[in-house]
């Protein structure tokens, strides 16, 4: 009888020692204006422990061992912070993160436009000059589809919003999938397509990679 009680007492003592060595760290993460930063990542460095701040900016890191620990908090748009703490004497840790913006260096794009022979262009291209436009009686975008292979247009019934398809890649709404340019100016909506093609010097269709 006494032996059974002794064994139980020893096991209970070991469990208590194990629990006493583990602690939790709680706190909040907010910006400098006091707004909670939901989704902020809290990491206990040199371990696999961590937490995510909730909608109130509150977090809890469980099973933290005793001793000196380093907490790291980060979230996009704010500066990362770390705090060195002593567990268990410091178990309520608050963070106030200032905003942080990274300015990207300027990107300069240069290009040179030059006229070349269509036979020398390393992509599939069709071109109709002014006399060809007149001979083929091309008056609108739908007429272009009748004159150039692998280039199709689908009339909506009023010749106002034609849907353009190149090699099976088609526009299905008012945002063109096939890029259309007039004098190097892109047309970003089918409503901007010219209803009538007049005074054209040349029509070019490039069927390159999408």
Protein backbone atom coordinates (compact mmCIF):
# COMPACT_ATOMS: atom_id res chain seq x y z
CA UNK A 1 0.00 0.00 0.00
CA UNK A 2 2.73 2.43 0.94
CA UNK A 3 4.74 1.50 -2.14
CA UNK A 4 1.87 2.42 -4.48
CA UNK A 5 1.41 5.81 -2.86
CA UNK A 6 5.14 6.53 -3.13
CA UNK A 7 5.20 5.77 -6.84
CA UNK A 8 2.21 8.01 -7.52
CA UNK A 9 3.77 10.86 -5.59
CA UNK A 10 7.00 10.64 -7.58
CA UNK A 11 5.20 10.70 -10.90
CA UNK A 12 3.08 13.66 -9.86
CA UNK A 13 6.18 15.56 -8.79
CA UNK A 14 7.86 14.97 -12.16
CA UNK A 15 4.78 16.27 -13.98
CA UNK A 16 4.70 19.40 -11.85
CA UNK A 17 8.37 20.08 -12.56
CA UNK A 18 7.71 19.71 -16.28
CA UNK A 19 4.75 22.12 -16.20
CA UNK A 20 6.61 24.63 -14.04
CA UNK A 21 9.32 24.87 -16.70
CA UNK A 22 6.86 25.95 -19.43
CA UNK A 23 5.22 29.37 -19.62
CA UNK A 24 3.09 31.43 -21.98
CA UNK A 25 3.80 34.90 -23.30
CA UNK A 26 0.87 37.16 -24.15
CA UNK A 27 0.64 40.70 -25.42
CA UNK A 28 -0.57 42.98 -28.18
CA UNK A 29 0.75 44.27 -31.50
CA UNK A 30 -0.42 47.71 -32.63
CA UNK A 31 0.74 50.52 -34.87
CA UNK A 32 1.82 53.88 -33.53
CA UNK A 33 -1.74 55.12 -33.72
CA UNK A 34 -3.01 52.32 -31.51
CA UNK A 35 -4.67 50.31 -34.29
CA UNK A 36 -4.37 46.54 -33.79
CA UNK A 37 -2.22 44.83 -36.42
CA UNK A 38 -4.16 41.69 -37.20
CA UNK A 39 -2.03 39.01 -38.83
CA UNK A 40 1.29 40.14 -37.35
CA UNK A 41 3.70 37.21 -36.98
CA UNK A 42 5.28 36.67 -33.56
CA UNK A 43 8.34 34.40 -33.44
CA UNK A 44 10.36 33.09 -30.54
CA UNK A 45 13.84 33.12 -32.04
CA UNK A 46 15.95 29.95 -31.95
CA UNK A 47 12.81 27.85 -31.58
CA UNK A 48 9.77 26.69 -33.52
CA UNK A 49 7.37 28.58 -31.26
CA UNK A 50 5.27 31.48 -32.44
CA UNK A 51 1.80 32.95 -32.86
CA UNK A 52 -0.33 35.22 -35.09
CA UNK A 53 -2.04 38.33 -33.74
CA UNK A 54 -5.85 38.25 -33.88
CA UNK A 55 -8.24 41.02 -34.90
CA UNK A 56 -7.58 42.79 -31.59
CA UNK A 57 -3.84 42.57 -32.10
CA UNK A 58 -3.57 40.09 -29.24
CA UNK A 59 -1.33 37.02 -29.30
CA UNK A 60 -0.22 34.17 -27.04
CA UNK A 61 2.92 32.05 -27.39
CA UNK A 62 2.56 28.76 -25.49
CA UNK A 63 5.09 26.40 -23.90
CA UNK A 64 7.89 28.94 -23.63
CA UNK A 65 10.84 27.66 -21.55
CA UNK A 66 12.32 29.70 -18.72
CA UNK A 67 15.28 31.96 -19.32
CA UNK A 68 16.28 34.80 -21.62
CA UNK A 69 14.24 34.74 -24.86
CA UNK A 70 14.00 36.99 -27.91
CA UNK A 71 10.62 37.80 -29.49
CA UNK A 72 10.42 39.02 -33.07
CA UNK A 73 7.32 40.66 -34.57
CA UNK A 74 6.84 41.42 -38.26
CA UNK A 75 4.07 42.40 -40.65
CA UNK A 76 4.10 43.87 -44.15
CA UNK A 77 4.08 47.66 -44.19
CA UNK A 78 5.60 48.05 -40.73
CA UNK A 79 9.10 47.89 -39.29
CA UNK A 80 10.15 44.59 -37.72
CA UNK A 81 10.84 44.71 -33.98
CA UNK A 82 12.52 42.41 -31.47
CA UNK A 83 12.43 42.36 -27.68
CA UNK A 84 14.69 40.47 -25.31
CA UNK A 85 12.74 39.20 -22.33
CA UNK A 86 13.32 37.09 -19.25
CA UNK A 87 10.78 34.31 -18.76
CA UNK A 88 8.83 34.04 -16.49
CA UNK A 89 9.34 37.54 -15.06
CA UNK A 90 8.17 39.14 -18.35
CA UNK A 91 5.07 37.45 -19.72
CA UNK A 92 3.04 40.43 -21.02
CA UNK A 93 4.85 41.96 -23.99
CA UNK A 94 3.42 44.80 -26.07
CA UNK A 95 4.69 45.91 -29.46
CA UNK A 96 4.13 49.24 -31.23
CA UNK A 97 5.32 49.06 -34.83
CA UNK A 98 6.00 52.16 -36.92
CA UNK A 99 5.09 52.17 -40.59
CA UNK A 100 7.84 51.25 -43.01
CA UNK A 101 7.83 51.86 -46.75
CA UNK A 102 10.52 50.65 -49.10
CA UNK A 103 11.00 52.94 -52.07
CA UNK A 104 11.87 51.05 -55.21
CA UNK A 105 14.60 52.45 -57.44
CA UNK A 106 13.40 54.03 -60.69
CA UNK A 107 13.03 51.72 -63.67
CA UNK A 108 13.97 53.17 -67.02
CA UNK A 109 12.68 51.43 -70.14
CA UNK A 110 14.17 52.36 -73.47
CA UNK A 111 13.29 51.17 -76.94
CA UNK A 112 14.07 52.18 -80.47
CA UNK A 113 11.38 52.01 -83.10
CA UNK A 114 12.60 51.35 -86.61
CA UNK A 115 11.15 50.13 -89.86
CA UNK A 116 12.32 46.72 -91.04
CA UNK A 117 11.39 44.33 -93.79
CA UNK A 118 8.54 42.06 -92.70
CA UNK A 119 10.53 39.11 -94.03
CA UNK A 120 13.24 39.84 -91.48
CA UNK A 121 10.95 39.99 -88.44
CA UNK A 122 11.43 36.78 -86.34
CA UNK A 123 7.71 36.30 -85.69
CA UNK A 124 4.53 35.70 -87.66
CA UNK A 125 3.35 39.03 -89.06
CA UNK A 126 0.87 40.10 -91.69
CA UNK A 127 0.83 43.59 -93.17
CA UNK A 128 -1.59 45.36 -95.52
CA UNK A 129 -0.54 48.68 -96.99
CA UNK A 130 -2.80 51.56 -98.00
CA UNK A 131 -3.42 50.23 -101.52
CA UNK A 132 -4.26 46.78 -100.14
CA UNK A 133 -6.71 48.29 -97.67
CA UNK A 134 -8.42 50.03 -100.57
CA UNK A 135 -8.44 46.94 -102.80
CA UNK A 136 -9.81 44.69 -100.04
CA UNK A 137 -12.40 47.32 -99.06
CA UNK A 138 -11.46 47.19 -95.40
CA UNK A 139 -13.69 49.66 -93.59
CA UNK A 140 -13.79 48.27 -90.04
CA UNK A 141 -12.12 45.72 -87.73
CA UNK A 142 -14.48 42.97 -88.85
CA UNK A 143 -13.19 43.41 -92.41
CA UNK A 144 -9.63 42.86 -91.15
CA UNK A 145 -10.61 39.41 -89.91
CA UNK A 146 -11.73 38.49 -93.42
CA UNK A 147 -8.39 39.40 -94.97
CA UNK A 148 -5.79 38.02 -92.52
CA UNK A 149 -5.39 34.32 -91.56
CA UNK A 150 -5.56 33.27 -87.89
CA UNK A 151 -7.16 36.60 -87.09
CA UNK A 152 -10.89 36.45 -86.41
CA UNK A 153 -13.50 38.91 -85.26
CA UNK A 154 -16.93 38.21 -83.90
CA UNK A 155 -19.49 40.89 -84.59
CA UNK A 156 -21.87 41.70 -81.78
CA UNK A 157 -24.50 42.57 -84.34
CA UNK A 158 -23.87 46.28 -84.55
CA UNK A 159 -20.19 46.32 -85.52
CA UNK A 160 -19.58 48.46 -82.43
CA UNK A 161 -17.91 46.01 -80.05
CA UNK A 162 -16.16 43.36 -82.15
CA UNK A 163 -14.50 40.53 -80.22
CA UNK A 164 -11.04 39.85 -81.61
CA UNK A 165 -9.31 36.46 -81.63
CA UNK A 166 -5.73 35.62 -82.63
CA UNK A 167 -4.71 31.95 -82.83
CA UNK A 168 -7.67 30.95 -80.68
CA UNK A 169 -7.00 33.48 -77.91
CA UNK A 170 -10.14 35.56 -77.84
CA UNK A 171 -11.61 38.58 -76.13
CA UNK A 172 -14.77 37.59 -74.26
CA UNK A 173 -15.79 40.89 -72.67
CA UNK A 174 -15.11 44.61 -72.98
CA UNK A 175 -11.44 44.19 -71.99
CA UNK A 176 -9.46 43.13 -75.07
CA UNK A 177 -7.20 40.11 -74.67
CA UNK A 178 -5.60 40.84 -78.02
CA UNK A 179 -3.67 44.11 -77.89
CA UNK A 180 -4.86 46.71 -80.40
CA UNK A 181 -2.88 49.87 -81.05
CA UNK A 182 -3.60 52.90 -83.20
CA UNK A 183 -0.48 55.00 -83.87
CA UNK A 184 1.24 53.19 -80.94
CA UNK A 185 -1.61 54.12 -78.58
CA UNK A 186 -3.19 51.06 -76.90
CA UNK A 187 -6.96 50.67 -76.82
CA UNK A 188 -7.82 49.23 -73.41
CA UNK A 189 -11.56 48.78 -73.99
CA UNK A 190 -13.58 47.47 -76.91
CA UNK A 191 -15.72 50.61 -76.69
CA UNK A 192 -12.65 52.56 -77.85
CA UNK A 193 -12.26 50.50 -81.03
CA UNK A 194 -12.78 52.71 -84.08
CA UNK A 195 -16.10 51.93 -85.72
CA UNK A 196 -14.76 52.97 -89.12
CA UNK A 197 -11.18 52.57 -90.36
CA UNK A 198 -10.23 55.61 -92.38
CA UNK A 199 -7.00 57.23 -93.56
CA UNK A 200 -4.92 54.18 -92.68
CA UNK A 201 -1.38 53.91 -93.96
CA UNK A 202 -0.90 50.31 -92.85
CA UNK A 203 -2.49 47.48 -90.88
CA UNK A 204 -0.17 45.05 -89.05
CA UNK A 205 -1.13 41.85 -87.25
CA UNK A 206 1.54 40.18 -85.09
CA UNK A 207 0.74 36.62 -84.12
CA UNK A 208 3.62 36.12 -81.75
CA UNK A 209 3.68 34.41 -78.33
CA UNK A 210 1.06 35.60 -75.86
